[in-house]
Amino acid sequence: MSKLFREAIKLEVEEDPQHKPIAFLYKRRREQVRETLKRWRIVQGWWKRPVMREYFQVRTASGTVYELYRDLLTGAWRLQRVYD
């Protein structure tokens, strides 16, 4: 099962030089990324309100799987989904 957030939650993310997440803060807890399970980009709406995001599905040291994305237009990170 998973929890998809209607409105993605803003995150503070530590990233490597290639903008891959290393760790992030969620519920006042630092989650260390152990592995990236999937990585993909979406680009849409360029003709009206553009959306450009890079998604990461990651497993943390605690074993939880999260789906995060980085807004490629602003650089902001958001949490989209938590898998349990």
N, C-alpha and C. Protein backbone atom coordinates (compact mmCIF):
# COMPACT_ATOMS: atom_id res chain seq x y z
N MET A 1 0.85 -1.17 0.00
CA MET A 1 0.00 0.00 0.00
C MET A 1 0.89 1.23 0.00
N SER A 2 0.26 2.34 -0.34
CA SER A 2 1.01 3.59 -0.33
C SER A 2 0.09 4.74 0.03
N LYS A 3 0.71 5.83 0.44
CA LYS A 3 -0.03 7.06 0.72
C LYS A 3 0.43 8.09 -0.30
N LEU A 4 -0.50 8.49 -1.17
CA LEU A 4 -0.25 9.53 -2.16
C LEU A 4 -0.78 10.83 -1.58
N PHE A 5 0.07 11.83 -1.51
CA PHE A 5 -0.35 13.12 -0.97
C PHE A 5 -1.04 13.94 -2.05
N ARG A 6 -2.21 14.45 -1.74
CA ARG A 6 -2.97 15.27 -2.69
C ARG A 6 -2.13 16.46 -3.12
N GLU A 7 -1.51 17.10 -2.13
CA GLU A 7 -0.58 18.18 -2.41
C GLU A 7 0.78 17.74 -1.88
N ALA A 8 1.75 17.65 -2.76
CA ALA A 8 3.07 17.16 -2.38
C ALA A 8 3.65 18.04 -1.26
N ILE A 9 4.40 17.39 -0.35
CA ILE A 9 4.96 18.05 0.82
C ILE A 9 6.37 18.57 0.51
N LYS A 10 6.60 19.84 0.83
CA LYS A 10 7.92 20.43 0.61
C LYS A 10 8.94 19.78 1.54
N LEU A 11 10.12 19.48 0.99
CA LEU A 11 11.17 18.82 1.75
C LEU A 11 12.48 19.59 1.69
N GLU A 12 13.28 19.40 2.74
CA GLU A 12 14.68 19.83 2.72
C GLU A 12 15.48 18.59 2.34
N VAL A 13 16.24 18.67 1.26
CA VAL A 13 16.95 17.51 0.74
C VAL A 13 18.43 17.82 0.61
N GLU A 14 19.26 16.90 1.06
CA GLU A 14 20.70 16.95 0.78
C GLU A 14 20.88 16.18 -0.53
N GLU A 15 21.58 16.77 -1.47
CA GLU A 15 21.76 16.12 -2.76
C GLU A 15 23.22 16.10 -3.16
N ASP A 16 23.55 15.18 -4.06
CA ASP A 16 24.92 15.11 -4.57
C ASP A 16 25.07 16.10 -5.73
N PRO A 17 26.25 16.21 -6.31
CA PRO A 17 26.46 17.19 -7.40
C PRO A 17 25.57 16.96 -8.63
N GLN A 18 25.06 15.74 -8.81
CA GLN A 18 24.16 15.45 -9.93
C GLN A 18 22.69 15.60 -9.52
N HIS A 19 22.44 16.21 -8.37
CA HIS A 19 21.09 16.46 -7.83
C HIS A 19 20.35 15.19 -7.46
N LYS A 20 21.07 14.14 -7.13
CA LYS A 20 20.46 12.91 -6.65
C LYS A 20 20.33 13.02 -5.13
N PRO A 21 19.17 12.66 -4.54
CA PRO A 21 19.00 12.81 -3.09
C PRO A 21 19.90 11.88 -2.29
N ILE A 22 20.50 12.43 -1.23
CA ILE A 22 21.35 11.67 -0.31
C ILE A 22 20.61 11.45 1.00
N ALA A 23 19.90 12.48 1.45
CA ALA A 23 19.12 12.43 2.69
C ALA A 23 18.09 13.54 2.65
N PHE A 24 17.05 13.41 3.49
CA PHE A 24 16.02 14.44 3.56
C PHE A 24 15.37 14.42 4.93
N LEU A 25 14.73 15.53 5.28
CA LEU A 25 14.00 15.65 6.55
C LEU A 25 12.52 15.41 6.29
N TYR A 26 11.96 14.47 7.06
CA TYR A 26 10.52 14.19 6.98
C TYR A 26 10.02 13.92 8.39
N LYS A 27 9.01 14.66 8.80
CA LYS A 27 8.46 14.56 10.16
C LYS A 27 9.55 14.74 11.22
N ARG A 28 10.40 15.74 11.00
CA ARG A 28 11.50 16.10 11.91
C ARG A 28 12.55 15.01 12.06
N ARG A 29 12.57 14.08 11.13
CA ARG A 29 13.52 12.98 11.18
C ARG A 29 14.35 12.98 9.90
N ARG A 30 15.63 12.76 10.06
CA ARG A 30 16.51 12.71 8.89
C ARG A 30 16.47 11.30 8.31
N GLU A 31 16.10 11.19 7.06
CA GLU A 31 16.04 9.91 6.36
C GLU A 31 17.24 9.82 5.42
N GLN A 32 18.08 8.83 5.65
CA GLN A 32 19.28 8.61 4.82
C GLN A 32 18.89 7.70 3.64
N VAL A 33 19.15 8.15 2.43
CA VAL A 33 18.83 7.36 1.24
C VAL A 33 19.88 6.26 1.09
N ARG A 34 19.43 5.01 1.01
CA ARG A 34 20.32 3.86 0.83
C ARG A 34 20.43 3.46 -0.63
N GLU A 35 19.30 3.53 -1.36
CA GLU A 35 19.34 3.18 -2.78
C GLU A 35 18.23 3.87 -3.55
N THR A 36 18.50 4.13 -4.82
CA THR A 36 17.50 4.67 -5.72
C THR A 36 16.92 3.49 -6.49
N LEU A 37 15.61 3.29 -6.36
CA LEU A 37 14.94 2.18 -7.02
C LEU A 37 14.53 2.52 -8.44
N LYS A 38 14.04 3.75 -8.63
CA LYS A 38 13.62 4.22 -9.95
C LYS A 38 13.96 5.71 -10.07
N ARG A 39 14.12 6.14 -11.30
CA ARG A 39 14.39 7.56 -11.57
C ARG A 39 13.80 7.88 -12.94
N TRP A 40 12.99 8.95 -13.01
CA TRP A 40 12.39 9.33 -14.29
C TRP A 40 12.06 10.82 -14.30
N ARG A 41 11.85 11.34 -15.49
CA ARG A 41 11.51 12.76 -15.67
C ARG A 41 10.17 12.90 -16.37
N ILE A 42 9.47 13.98 -16.03
CA ILE A 42 8.29 14.34 -16.80
C ILE A 42 8.44 15.79 -17.24
N VAL A 43 8.02 16.03 -18.45
CA VAL A 43 7.98 17.39 -19.02
C VAL A 43 6.64 17.49 -19.73
N GLN A 44 5.81 18.43 -19.30
CA GLN A 44 4.50 18.59 -19.91
C GLN A 44 4.01 20.02 -19.76
N GLY A 45 3.00 20.35 -20.52
CA GLY A 45 2.37 21.66 -20.42
C GLY A 45 3.22 22.82 -20.88
N TRP A 46 4.21 22.57 -21.72
CA TRP A 46 5.10 23.64 -22.15
C TRP A 46 4.35 24.75 -22.87
N TRP A 47 3.15 24.47 -23.38
CA TRP A 47 2.38 25.46 -24.13
C TRP A 47 1.54 26.37 -23.22
N LYS A 48 1.41 26.01 -21.92
CA LYS A 48 0.66 26.88 -21.01
C LYS A 48 1.41 27.04 -19.69
N ARG A 49 1.28 26.12 -18.77
CA ARG A 49 2.01 26.18 -17.49
C ARG A 49 2.94 24.98 -17.44
N PRO A 50 4.20 25.20 -17.74
CA PRO A 50 5.13 24.07 -17.85
C PRO A 50 5.38 23.35 -16.53
N VAL A 51 5.51 22.04 -16.63
CA VAL A 51 5.87 21.19 -15.50
C VAL A 51 7.09 20.38 -15.94
N MET A 52 8.16 20.53 -15.19
CA MET A 52 9.38 19.77 -15.45
C MET A 52 9.87 19.24 -14.11
N ARG A 53 9.81 17.92 -13.95
CA ARG A 53 10.18 17.30 -12.69
C ARG A 53 11.05 16.08 -12.92
N GLU A 54 11.94 15.84 -11.96
CA GLU A 54 12.70 14.61 -11.95
C GLU A 54 12.30 13.85 -10.69
N TYR A 55 11.76 12.65 -10.88
CA TYR A 55 11.28 11.81 -9.79
C TYR A 55 12.32 10.79 -9.38
N PHE A 56 12.30 10.47 -8.08
CA PHE A 56 13.16 9.44 -7.52
C PHE A 56 12.32 8.57 -6.59
N GLN A 57 12.35 7.28 -6.80
CA GLN A 57 11.77 6.36 -5.83
C GLN A 57 12.97 5.79 -5.07
N VAL A 58 13.01 6.05 -3.76
CA VAL A 58 14.19 5.69 -2.97
C VAL A 58 13.80 4.84 -1.77
N ARG A 59 14.77 4.02 -1.33
CA ARG A 59 14.62 3.27 -0.09
C ARG A 59 15.61 3.90 0.90
N THR A 60 15.12 4.15 2.11
CA THR A 60 15.97 4.78 3.12
C THR A 60 16.57 3.72 4.06
N ALA A 61 17.44 4.16 4.93
CA ALA A 61 18.09 3.28 5.89
C ALA A 61 17.06 2.59 6.79
N SER A 62 15.92 3.23 7.01
CA SER A 62 14.87 2.64 7.85
C SER A 62 14.07 1.58 7.09
N GLY A 63 14.29 1.46 5.76
CA GLY A 63 13.58 0.47 4.95
C GLY A 63 12.33 1.00 4.27
N THR A 64 11.96 2.23 4.57
CA THR A 64 10.77 2.83 3.96
C THR A 64 11.10 3.30 2.54
N VAL A 65 10.11 3.16 1.66
CA VAL A 65 10.26 3.61 0.27
C VAL A 65 9.46 4.90 0.10
N TYR A 66 10.14 5.89 -0.48
CA TYR A 66 9.53 7.21 -0.71
C TYR A 66 9.64 7.56 -2.19
N GLU A 67 8.68 8.37 -2.65
CA GLU A 67 8.74 8.93 -4.00
C GLU A 67 8.87 10.44 -3.86
N LEU A 68 10.02 10.95 -4.27
CA LEU A 68 10.32 12.38 -4.19
C LEU A 68 10.46 12.93 -5.59
N TYR A 69 10.29 14.23 -5.72
CA TYR A 69 10.65 14.84 -7.00
C TYR A 69 11.30 16.19 -6.79
N ARG A 70 12.13 16.55 -7.74
CA ARG A 70 12.79 17.86 -7.78
C ARG A 70 12.18 18.64 -8.92
N ASP A 71 11.63 19.80 -8.62
CA ASP A 71 11.08 20.68 -9.65
C ASP A 71 12.27 21.26 -10.42
N LEU A 72 12.38 20.93 -11.68
CA LEU A 72 13.53 21.36 -12.48
C LEU A 72 13.48 22.84 -12.83
N LEU A 73 12.33 23.48 -12.65
CA LEU A 73 12.22 24.91 -12.91
C LEU A 73 12.64 25.75 -11.70
N THR A 74 12.37 25.25 -10.49
CA THR A 74 12.66 26.02 -9.28
C THR A 74 13.74 25.40 -8.40
N GLY A 75 14.00 24.11 -8.57
CA GLY A 75 14.96 23.42 -7.73
C GLY A 75 14.37 22.91 -6.42
N ALA A 76 13.08 23.18 -6.17
CA ALA A 76 12.43 22.75 -4.93
C ALA A 76 12.17 21.24 -4.94
N TRP A 77 12.29 20.64 -3.77
CA TRP A 77 12.03 19.21 -3.60
C TRP A 77 10.69 19.00 -2.92
N ARG A 78 9.99 17.93 -3.31
CA ARG A 78 8.70 17.60 -2.72
C ARG A 78 8.57 16.09 -2.54
N LEU A 79 7.80 15.71 -1.54
CA LEU A 79 7.47 14.31 -1.28
C LEU A 79 6.09 14.06 -1.88
N GLN A 80 5.99 13.08 -2.78
CA GLN A 80 4.74 12.77 -3.46
C GLN A 80 4.02 11.56 -2.84
N ARG A 81 4.81 10.56 -2.39
CA ARG A 81 4.19 9.31 -1.95
C ARG A 81 5.11 8.59 -0.95
N VAL A 82 4.48 7.87 -0.02
CA VAL A 82 5.20 7.01 0.92
C VAL A 82 4.61 5.61 0.78
N TYR A 83 5.49 4.63 0.60
CA TYR A 83 5.08 3.23 0.49
C TYR A 83 5.32 2.53 1.81
N ASP A 84 4.38 1.66 2.19
CA ASP A 84 4.60 0.90 3.42
C ASP A 84 4.47 -0.59 3.16
